[in-house]
Amino acid sequence: MDIEFSSIKQLYQRLVPALDTKYNELVRNKIKYIKKEDIWNYLKNNKWSHASDLLLHEMVDDILNCDNALLEDYVKNNMVNQSIKPNLDSEVVYEKENE
């Protein structure tokens, strides 16, 4: 049975349990500054953008087995003066912080 999603937002909502699990793993490993949105944006930008016909279980596997060091590097490189929100559109969404 194939599951199709009518929007990226709907897909994101379906993946929240896996994102929660990965987030909790990061917290247990004392990596508390990475949020679920960071995990989503990292994979969407670096892995899934180059793939086609992804299956839900493959995306869950990518989330759960995402390399923590690469994820940390991605987040550190994008943290400077930026607030990262979940990317529910076709591109990664960045909003500059008000100073």
N, C-alpha and C. Protein backbone atom coordinates (compact mmCIF):
# COMPACT_ATOMS: atom_id res chain seq x y z
N MET A 1 0.83 -1.17 0.00
CA MET A 1 0.00 0.00 0.00
C MET A 1 0.89 1.25 0.00
N ASP A 2 0.77 2.06 -1.03
CA ASP A 2 1.52 3.30 -1.13
C ASP A 2 0.76 4.42 -0.44
N ILE A 3 1.49 5.22 0.32
CA ILE A 3 0.90 6.38 0.97
C ILE A 3 1.37 7.61 0.22
N GLU A 4 0.43 8.43 -0.21
CA GLU A 4 0.78 9.66 -0.88
C GLU A 4 0.36 10.84 -0.02
N PHE A 5 1.15 11.89 -0.08
CA PHE A 5 0.89 13.07 0.72
C PHE A 5 0.56 14.23 -0.20
N SER A 6 -0.42 15.01 0.19
CA SER A 6 -0.84 16.12 -0.65
C SER A 6 0.02 17.37 -0.45
N SER A 7 0.84 17.36 0.61
CA SER A 7 1.70 18.52 0.85
C SER A 7 2.93 18.08 1.65
N ILE A 8 3.94 18.93 1.59
CA ILE A 8 5.15 18.70 2.38
C ILE A 8 4.81 18.76 3.86
N LYS A 9 3.90 19.66 4.22
CA LYS A 9 3.50 19.81 5.62
C LYS A 9 2.89 18.50 6.14
N GLN A 10 2.07 17.86 5.32
CA GLN A 10 1.45 16.60 5.71
C GLN A 10 2.53 15.51 5.89
N LEU A 11 3.50 15.47 5.01
CA LEU A 11 4.61 14.52 5.13
C LEU A 11 5.39 14.79 6.41
N TYR A 12 5.69 16.06 6.67
CA TYR A 12 6.43 16.42 7.89
C TYR A 12 5.68 15.92 9.12
N GLN A 13 4.38 16.16 9.17
CA GLN A 13 3.58 15.72 10.32
C GLN A 13 3.64 14.20 10.49
N ARG A 14 3.67 13.49 9.39
CA ARG A 14 3.75 12.02 9.45
C ARG A 14 5.10 11.56 9.99
N LEU A 15 6.14 12.36 9.76
CA LEU A 15 7.49 12.00 10.19
C LEU A 15 7.84 12.50 11.59
N VAL A 16 6.97 13.27 12.22
CA VAL A 16 7.24 13.83 13.55
C VAL A 16 7.64 12.76 14.57
N PRO A 17 6.99 11.59 14.63
CA PRO A 17 7.45 10.59 15.62
C PRO A 17 8.91 10.17 15.43
N ALA A 18 9.35 10.02 14.20
CA ALA A 18 10.75 9.67 13.95
C ALA A 18 11.66 10.84 14.31
N LEU A 19 11.23 12.05 13.98
CA LEU A 19 12.01 13.23 14.34
C LEU A 19 12.11 13.37 15.86
N ASP A 20 11.02 13.09 16.57
CA ASP A 20 11.04 13.11 18.04
C ASP A 20 12.05 12.10 18.59
N THR A 21 12.06 10.91 18.01
CA THR A 21 12.97 9.86 18.45
C THR A 21 14.42 10.29 18.25
N LYS A 22 14.74 10.84 17.09
CA LYS A 22 16.11 11.29 16.82
C LYS A 22 16.48 12.45 17.75
N TYR A 23 15.54 13.37 17.95
CA TYR A 23 15.78 14.50 18.85
C TYR A 23 16.10 13.99 20.26
N ASN A 24 15.33 13.03 20.75
CA ASN A 24 15.56 12.48 22.09
C ASN A 24 16.92 11.79 22.18
N GLU A 25 17.34 11.13 21.10
CA GLU A 25 18.67 10.51 21.07
C GLU A 25 19.75 11.58 21.20
N LEU A 26 19.58 12.68 20.47
CA LEU A 26 20.55 13.78 20.54
C LEU A 26 20.63 14.35 21.95
N VAL A 27 19.49 14.54 22.59
CA VAL A 27 19.47 15.07 23.96
C VAL A 27 20.18 14.11 24.91
N ARG A 28 19.94 12.80 24.75
CA ARG A 28 20.63 11.81 25.60
C ARG A 28 22.14 11.88 25.41
N ASN A 29 22.56 12.26 24.20
CA ASN A 29 23.99 12.40 23.90
C ASN A 29 24.51 13.81 24.18
N LYS A 30 23.73 14.58 24.94
CA LYS A 30 24.12 15.93 25.37
C LYS A 30 24.25 16.92 24.21
N ILE A 31 23.51 16.68 23.14
CA ILE A 31 23.45 17.60 22.00
C ILE A 31 22.06 18.24 22.06
N LYS A 32 21.96 19.33 22.82
CA LYS A 32 20.65 19.89 23.12
C LYS A 32 20.25 21.07 22.24
N TYR A 33 21.14 21.57 21.42
CA TYR A 33 20.83 22.74 20.62
C TYR A 33 20.21 22.39 19.26
N ILE A 34 20.22 21.13 18.89
CA ILE A 34 19.63 20.71 17.61
C ILE A 34 18.16 20.40 17.83
N LYS A 35 17.32 20.97 16.99
CA LYS A 35 15.87 20.79 17.08
C LYS A 35 15.37 19.88 15.96
N LYS A 36 14.13 19.46 16.10
CA LYS A 36 13.52 18.60 15.06
C LYS A 36 13.57 19.26 13.69
N GLU A 37 13.36 20.57 13.68
CA GLU A 37 13.37 21.31 12.42
C GLU A 37 14.75 21.26 11.76
N ASP A 38 15.79 21.25 12.59
CA ASP A 38 17.15 21.16 12.06
C ASP A 38 17.37 19.81 11.37
N ILE A 39 16.89 18.76 11.99
CA ILE A 39 17.02 17.41 11.42
C ILE A 39 16.30 17.35 10.08
N TRP A 40 15.07 17.86 10.07
CA TRP A 40 14.26 17.88 8.85
C TRP A 40 14.98 18.66 7.74
N ASN A 41 15.41 19.88 8.06
CA ASN A 41 16.07 20.71 7.04
C ASN A 41 17.36 20.09 6.55
N TYR A 42 18.13 19.50 7.44
CA TYR A 42 19.39 18.85 7.04
C TYR A 42 19.12 17.74 6.02
N LEU A 43 18.21 16.85 6.35
CA LEU A 43 17.94 15.73 5.45
C LEU A 43 17.28 16.19 4.16
N LYS A 44 16.36 17.11 4.25
CA LYS A 44 15.68 17.61 3.05
C LYS A 44 16.67 18.29 2.12
N ASN A 45 17.58 19.03 2.69
CA ASN A 45 18.54 19.79 1.91
C ASN A 45 19.69 18.93 1.38
N ASN A 46 20.15 17.96 2.16
CA ASN A 46 21.36 17.22 1.82
C ASN A 46 21.14 15.80 1.31
N LYS A 47 20.03 15.20 1.61
CA LYS A 47 19.84 13.81 1.19
C LYS A 47 18.63 13.65 0.28
N TRP A 48 17.51 14.15 0.73
CA TRP A 48 16.28 13.91 -0.01
C TRP A 48 16.14 14.75 -1.27
N SER A 49 16.84 15.87 -1.35
CA SER A 49 16.73 16.73 -2.53
C SER A 49 17.32 16.04 -3.77
N HIS A 50 18.16 15.05 -3.56
CA HIS A 50 18.81 14.34 -4.66
C HIS A 50 18.13 13.01 -4.97
N ALA A 51 17.08 12.69 -4.23
CA ALA A 51 16.42 11.39 -4.39
C ALA A 51 15.07 11.57 -5.08
N SER A 52 14.59 10.47 -5.63
CA SER A 52 13.25 10.48 -6.21
C SER A 52 12.52 9.22 -5.77
N ASP A 53 11.21 9.32 -5.72
CA ASP A 53 10.36 8.20 -5.33
C ASP A 53 10.73 7.63 -3.96
N LEU A 54 10.95 8.52 -3.01
CA LEU A 54 11.27 8.09 -1.65
C LEU A 54 10.06 7.42 -1.01
N LEU A 55 10.33 6.38 -0.27
CA LEU A 55 9.28 5.71 0.49
C LEU A 55 9.34 6.18 1.93
N LEU A 56 8.20 6.16 2.60
CA LEU A 56 8.11 6.65 3.97
C LEU A 56 9.09 5.93 4.89
N HIS A 57 9.18 4.61 4.76
CA HIS A 57 10.09 3.87 5.65
C HIS A 57 11.56 4.23 5.38
N GLU A 58 11.89 4.61 4.15
CA GLU A 58 13.26 5.04 3.85
C GLU A 58 13.57 6.38 4.53
N MET A 59 12.59 7.25 4.54
CA MET A 59 12.77 8.54 5.18
C MET A 59 12.90 8.38 6.69
N VAL A 60 12.10 7.51 7.27
CA VAL A 60 12.20 7.23 8.71
C VAL A 60 13.58 6.66 9.02
N ASP A 61 14.05 5.75 8.19
CA ASP A 61 15.38 5.17 8.37
C ASP A 61 16.46 6.25 8.28
N ASP A 62 16.33 7.16 7.33
CA ASP A 62 17.29 8.26 7.20
C ASP A 62 17.31 9.12 8.46
N ILE A 63 16.14 9.39 9.01
CA ILE A 63 16.06 10.20 10.22
C ILE A 63 16.74 9.49 11.38
N LEU A 64 16.37 8.25 11.60
CA LEU A 64 16.88 7.51 12.76
C LEU A 64 18.37 7.22 12.67
N ASN A 65 18.90 7.10 11.46
CA ASN A 65 20.30 6.74 11.27
C ASN A 65 21.16 7.89 10.76
N CYS A 66 20.64 9.09 10.87
CA CYS A 66 21.37 10.27 10.45
C CYS A 66 22.64 10.41 11.29
N ASP A 67 23.76 10.69 10.65
CA ASP A 67 25.04 10.85 11.33
C ASP A 67 25.01 12.11 12.19
N ASN A 68 25.16 11.95 13.49
CA ASN A 68 25.08 13.07 14.42
C ASN A 68 26.16 14.12 14.16
N ALA A 69 27.36 13.70 13.81
CA ALA A 69 28.45 14.66 13.57
C ALA A 69 28.15 15.52 12.35
N LEU A 70 27.64 14.91 11.27
CA LEU A 70 27.30 15.69 10.08
C LEU A 70 26.14 16.63 10.36
N LEU A 71 25.18 16.16 11.14
CA LEU A 71 24.05 17.00 11.53
C LEU A 71 24.53 18.20 12.35
N GLU A 72 25.43 17.95 13.30
CA GLU A 72 25.99 19.03 14.11
C GLU A 72 26.71 20.06 13.23
N ASP A 73 27.51 19.60 12.30
CA ASP A 73 28.22 20.51 11.40
C ASP A 73 27.24 21.38 10.61
N TYR A 74 26.19 20.74 10.09
CA TYR A 74 25.18 21.47 9.32
C TYR A 74 24.54 22.56 10.18
N VAL A 75 24.14 22.21 11.38
CA VAL A 75 23.47 23.17 12.26
C VAL A 75 24.42 24.29 12.66
N LYS A 76 25.64 23.96 13.02
CA LYS A 76 26.61 24.99 13.42
C LYS A 76 26.87 25.96 12.28
N ASN A 77 26.93 25.46 11.06
CA ASN A 77 27.17 26.32 9.90
C ASN A 77 25.98 27.22 9.60
N ASN A 78 24.80 26.85 10.04
CA ASN A 78 23.60 27.63 9.74
C ASN A 78 23.05 28.41 10.93
N MET A 79 23.72 28.34 12.08
CA MET A 79 23.20 29.00 13.28
C MET A 79 23.55 30.49 13.35
N VAL A 80 24.55 30.91 12.68
CA VAL A 80 25.02 32.29 12.82
C VAL A 80 23.94 33.26 12.34
N ASN A 81 23.40 34.01 13.31
CA ASN A 81 22.38 35.04 13.04
C ASN A 81 21.15 34.53 12.29
N GLN A 82 20.82 33.26 12.42
CA GLN A 82 19.65 32.73 11.73
C GLN A 82 18.81 31.90 12.68
N SER A 83 17.53 31.91 12.43
CA SER A 83 16.60 31.07 13.16
C SER A 83 16.02 30.10 12.15
N ILE A 84 16.23 28.80 12.37
CA ILE A 84 15.79 27.80 11.40
C ILE A 84 14.40 27.31 11.76
N LYS A 85 13.53 27.31 10.76
CA LYS A 85 12.17 26.81 10.93
C LYS A 85 12.02 25.57 10.05
N PRO A 86 11.00 24.74 10.32
CA PRO A 86 10.84 23.56 9.47
C PRO A 86 10.56 23.96 8.04
N ASN A 87 11.19 23.30 7.12
CA ASN A 87 11.00 23.60 5.72
C ASN A 87 9.80 22.82 5.21
N LEU A 88 8.71 23.52 5.04
CA LEU A 88 7.49 22.89 4.56
C LEU A 88 7.20 23.31 3.13
N ASP A 89 8.15 23.98 2.51
CA ASP A 89 8.05 24.38 1.12
C ASP A 89 9.15 23.68 0.34
N SER A 90 9.41 24.17 -0.85
CA SER A 90 10.40 23.50 -1.68
C SER A 90 11.84 23.86 -1.32
N GLU A 91 12.04 24.93 -0.55
CA GLU A 91 13.40 25.33 -0.18
C GLU A 91 13.51 25.41 1.33
N VAL A 92 14.75 25.44 1.81
CA VAL A 92 14.99 25.57 3.24
C VAL A 92 14.59 26.98 3.65
N VAL A 93 13.87 27.11 4.75
CA VAL A 93 13.36 28.40 5.21
C VAL A 93 14.25 28.95 6.30
N TYR A 94 14.78 30.14 6.10
CA TYR A 94 15.61 30.80 7.09
C TYR A 94 15.00 32.17 7.37
N GLU A 95 15.01 32.54 8.61
CA GLU A 95 14.52 33.87 8.98
C GLU A 95 15.55 34.50 9.90
N LYS A 96 16.00 35.70 9.55
CA LYS A 96 17.02 36.38 10.37
C LYS A 96 16.39 36.80 11.69
N GLU A 97 17.18 36.66 12.75
CA GLU A 97 16.71 37.05 14.07
C GLU A 97 16.69 38.56 14.18
N ASN A 98 15.73 39.06 14.94
CA ASN A 98 15.69 40.49 15.21
C ASN A 98 16.72 40.82 16.27
N GLU A 99 17.48 41.85 16.06
CA GLU A 99 18.53 42.22 17.01
C GLU A 99 18.12 43.43 17.79
